[in-house]
Amino acid sequence: MHAVGDEGVPTRDIAEVIGRHLNLPVASAPPEDFGFLGQILAIDQPASGELTHALFGWRPVHPGLIEDLDKGHYFG
């Protein structure tokens, strides 16, 4: 079970919204530049809330990750 509303949010999209709020450029870099974390981020491993929705009727009511980040309250 996963309590996620968003599925398959690309790391690039997350980086772009953070870069925009911090006024920093965003550029692609090879996974090996980030050590073991780069290897983890390079693996396509989307989480799905489909089973949670089906079994429990759970539906997210809050904004998705990108929308929430874009509101800017994390970048005080």
N, C-alpha and C. Protein backbone atom coordinates (compact mmCIF):
# COMPACT_ATOMS: atom_id res chain seq x y z
N MET A 1 0.84 -1.18 0.00
CA MET A 1 0.00 0.00 0.00
C MET A 1 0.89 1.24 0.00
N HIS A 2 0.45 2.23 -0.75
CA HIS A 2 1.14 3.52 -0.78
C HIS A 2 0.08 4.62 -0.68
N ALA A 3 0.30 5.55 0.21
CA ALA A 3 -0.59 6.70 0.33
C ALA A 3 -0.04 7.83 -0.53
N VAL A 4 -0.11 7.63 -1.83
CA VAL A 4 0.37 8.63 -2.77
C VAL A 4 -0.73 8.99 -3.74
N GLY A 5 -0.83 10.27 -4.03
CA GLY A 5 -1.79 10.72 -5.04
C GLY A 5 -1.11 10.88 -6.38
N ASP A 6 0.14 11.33 -6.34
CA ASP A 6 0.93 11.50 -7.56
C ASP A 6 1.61 10.18 -7.89
N GLU A 7 1.71 9.90 -9.15
CA GLU A 7 2.42 8.69 -9.57
C GLU A 7 3.43 9.07 -10.64
N GLY A 8 4.67 8.66 -10.44
CA GLY A 8 5.70 8.86 -11.44
C GLY A 8 6.11 10.30 -11.65
N VAL A 9 6.26 11.07 -10.58
CA VAL A 9 6.71 12.46 -10.71
C VAL A 9 8.20 12.45 -11.06
N PRO A 10 8.57 12.95 -12.22
CA PRO A 10 9.98 12.95 -12.61
C PRO A 10 10.84 13.81 -11.68
N THR A 11 12.02 13.32 -11.37
CA THR A 11 12.97 14.06 -10.53
C THR A 11 13.25 15.42 -11.13
N ARG A 12 13.32 15.50 -12.44
CA ARG A 12 13.58 16.77 -13.12
C ARG A 12 12.51 17.81 -12.76
N ASP A 13 11.23 17.39 -12.72
CA ASP A 13 10.15 18.32 -12.37
C ASP A 13 10.31 18.84 -10.95
N ILE A 14 10.72 17.98 -10.04
CA ILE A 14 10.95 18.38 -8.65
C ILE A 14 12.10 19.38 -8.59
N ALA A 15 13.19 19.07 -9.29
CA ALA A 15 14.36 19.96 -9.30
C ALA A 15 14.00 21.32 -9.91
N GLU A 16 13.20 21.33 -10.97
CA GLU A 16 12.84 22.60 -11.61
C GLU A 16 12.06 23.51 -10.68
N VAL A 17 11.12 22.96 -9.95
CA VAL A 17 10.32 23.80 -9.04
C VAL A 17 11.20 24.31 -7.89
N ILE A 18 12.08 23.48 -7.36
CA ILE A 18 12.99 23.91 -6.30
C ILE A 18 13.95 24.98 -6.83
N GLY A 19 14.52 24.75 -8.01
CA GLY A 19 15.42 25.73 -8.62
C GLY A 19 14.75 27.06 -8.86
N ARG A 20 13.51 27.03 -9.31
CA ARG A 20 12.77 28.27 -9.57
C ARG A 20 12.59 29.06 -8.27
N HIS A 21 12.24 28.38 -7.18
CA HIS A 21 12.00 29.08 -5.91
C HIS A 21 13.29 29.56 -5.25
N LEU A 22 14.39 28.89 -5.52
CA LEU A 22 15.67 29.29 -4.94
C LEU A 22 16.49 30.14 -5.91
N ASN A 23 15.89 30.43 -7.08
CA ASN A 23 16.56 31.21 -8.12
C ASN A 23 17.91 30.59 -8.51
N LEU A 24 17.89 29.28 -8.72
CA LEU A 24 19.08 28.53 -9.11
C LEU A 24 18.84 27.84 -10.45
N PRO A 25 19.85 27.75 -11.29
CA PRO A 25 19.68 27.02 -12.55
C PRO A 25 19.57 25.52 -12.29
N VAL A 26 18.87 24.85 -13.15
CA VAL A 26 18.71 23.39 -13.07
C VAL A 26 19.28 22.80 -14.34
N ALA A 27 20.14 21.79 -14.19
CA ALA A 27 20.75 21.15 -15.34
C ALA A 27 20.83 19.65 -15.10
N SER A 28 20.76 18.88 -16.16
CA SER A 28 20.91 17.44 -16.04
C SER A 28 22.35 17.09 -15.71
N ALA A 29 22.52 16.03 -14.95
CA ALA A 29 23.85 15.54 -14.59
C ALA A 29 23.78 14.02 -14.56
N PRO A 30 24.87 13.35 -14.89
CA PRO A 30 24.84 11.89 -14.88
C PRO A 30 24.68 11.35 -13.45
N PRO A 31 23.97 10.24 -13.30
CA PRO A 31 23.72 9.67 -11.97
C PRO A 31 25.00 9.44 -11.15
N GLU A 32 26.09 9.08 -11.81
CA GLU A 32 27.32 8.79 -11.07
C GLU A 32 27.89 10.02 -10.36
N ASP A 33 27.45 11.22 -10.76
CA ASP A 33 27.89 12.44 -10.07
C ASP A 33 27.34 12.53 -8.65
N PHE A 34 26.34 11.71 -8.33
CA PHE A 34 25.68 11.78 -7.04
C PHE A 34 25.90 10.53 -6.19
N GLY A 35 26.89 9.72 -6.55
CA GLY A 35 27.20 8.52 -5.77
C GLY A 35 26.04 7.55 -5.72
N PHE A 36 25.87 6.91 -4.57
CA PHE A 36 24.81 5.89 -4.46
C PHE A 36 23.42 6.50 -4.61
N LEU A 37 23.25 7.77 -4.20
CA LEU A 37 21.94 8.42 -4.34
C LEU A 37 21.57 8.56 -5.82
N GLY A 38 22.54 8.84 -6.66
CA GLY A 38 22.29 8.95 -8.09
C GLY A 38 21.81 7.64 -8.68
N GLN A 39 22.38 6.53 -8.20
CA GLN A 39 21.96 5.21 -8.67
C GLN A 39 20.51 4.94 -8.28
N ILE A 40 20.15 5.33 -7.08
CA ILE A 40 18.77 5.12 -6.61
C ILE A 40 17.79 5.98 -7.42
N LEU A 41 18.15 7.25 -7.63
CA LEU A 41 17.26 8.15 -8.37
C LEU A 41 17.13 7.77 -9.84
N ALA A 42 18.14 7.10 -10.38
CA ALA A 42 18.13 6.73 -11.80
C ALA A 42 17.23 5.53 -12.08
N ILE A 43 16.86 4.79 -11.05
CA ILE A 43 16.01 3.61 -11.23
C ILE A 43 14.55 4.07 -11.36
N ASP A 44 13.86 3.54 -12.35
CA ASP A 44 12.45 3.86 -12.53
C ASP A 44 11.66 3.04 -11.51
N GLN A 45 11.22 3.67 -10.43
CA GLN A 45 10.51 2.96 -9.38
C GLN A 45 9.30 3.75 -8.89
N PRO A 46 8.33 3.94 -9.78
CA PRO A 46 7.16 4.71 -9.37
C PRO A 46 6.33 3.98 -8.31
N ALA A 47 5.77 4.75 -7.41
CA ALA A 47 4.85 4.21 -6.40
C ALA A 47 3.43 4.49 -6.89
N SER A 48 2.55 3.58 -6.57
CA SER A 48 1.16 3.74 -6.99
C SER A 48 0.24 3.60 -5.78
N GLY A 49 -0.75 4.45 -5.69
CA GLY A 49 -1.76 4.37 -4.65
C GLY A 49 -2.99 3.61 -5.11
N GLU A 50 -2.92 2.99 -6.28
CA GLU A 50 -4.10 2.31 -6.85
C GLU A 50 -4.68 1.24 -5.92
N LEU A 51 -3.82 0.40 -5.34
CA LEU A 51 -4.30 -0.66 -4.44
C LEU A 51 -4.91 -0.04 -3.18
N THR A 52 -4.29 0.97 -2.65
CA THR A 52 -4.81 1.66 -1.46
C THR A 52 -6.18 2.26 -1.76
N HIS A 53 -6.32 2.84 -2.94
CA HIS A 53 -7.59 3.43 -3.36
C HIS A 53 -8.65 2.33 -3.44
N ALA A 54 -8.30 1.21 -4.08
CA ALA A 54 -9.27 0.13 -4.29
C ALA A 54 -9.68 -0.54 -2.98
N LEU A 55 -8.73 -0.82 -2.11
CA LEU A 55 -9.04 -1.54 -0.87
C LEU A 55 -9.71 -0.69 0.19
N PHE A 56 -9.30 0.56 0.30
CA PHE A 56 -9.77 1.39 1.40
C PHE A 56 -10.60 2.59 0.96
N GLY A 57 -10.70 2.82 -0.33
CA GLY A 57 -11.45 3.98 -0.82
C GLY A 57 -10.75 5.30 -0.52
N TRP A 58 -9.47 5.20 -0.17
CA TRP A 58 -8.71 6.41 0.17
C TRP A 58 -8.45 7.24 -1.07
N ARG A 59 -8.67 8.51 -0.97
CA ARG A 59 -8.38 9.45 -2.05
C ARG A 59 -7.64 10.64 -1.44
N PRO A 60 -6.56 11.07 -2.06
CA PRO A 60 -5.85 12.23 -1.54
C PRO A 60 -6.71 13.49 -1.66
N VAL A 61 -6.61 14.35 -0.67
CA VAL A 61 -7.38 15.60 -0.69
C VAL A 61 -6.47 16.82 -0.72
N HIS A 62 -5.19 16.61 -0.50
CA HIS A 62 -4.24 17.71 -0.48
C HIS A 62 -3.57 17.84 -1.85
N PRO A 63 -2.88 18.95 -2.08
CA PRO A 63 -2.21 19.14 -3.37
C PRO A 63 -1.16 18.07 -3.62
N GLY A 64 -0.86 17.83 -4.88
CA GLY A 64 0.21 16.92 -5.25
C GLY A 64 1.56 17.54 -4.93
N LEU A 65 2.61 16.76 -5.10
CA LEU A 65 3.96 17.19 -4.74
C LEU A 65 4.36 18.49 -5.44
N ILE A 66 4.25 18.54 -6.77
CA ILE A 66 4.69 19.72 -7.52
C ILE A 66 3.85 20.94 -7.13
N GLU A 67 2.55 20.78 -7.05
CA GLU A 67 1.68 21.89 -6.67
C GLU A 67 2.02 22.40 -5.27
N ASP A 68 2.27 21.48 -4.34
CA ASP A 68 2.61 21.85 -2.98
C ASP A 68 3.95 22.58 -2.92
N LEU A 69 4.96 22.05 -3.61
CA LEU A 69 6.26 22.73 -3.65
C LEU A 69 6.14 24.11 -4.27
N ASP A 70 5.33 24.20 -5.30
CA ASP A 70 5.20 25.47 -6.03
C ASP A 70 4.53 26.57 -5.21
N LYS A 71 3.83 26.21 -4.15
CA LYS A 71 3.23 27.24 -3.28
C LYS A 71 4.29 28.06 -2.56
N GLY A 72 5.51 27.49 -2.43
CA GLY A 72 6.63 28.26 -1.92
C GLY A 72 6.83 28.27 -0.43
N HIS A 73 5.95 27.65 0.36
CA HIS A 73 6.12 27.74 1.81
C HIS A 73 7.29 26.94 2.37
N TYR A 74 7.97 26.16 1.55
CA TYR A 74 9.16 25.44 1.99
C TYR A 74 10.44 26.27 1.81
N PHE A 75 10.31 27.39 1.18
CA PHE A 75 11.48 28.18 0.80
C PHE A 75 11.52 29.51 1.52
N GLY A 76 11.07 29.54 2.77
CA GLY A 76 10.96 30.72 3.60
C GLY A 76 12.09 31.61 3.55
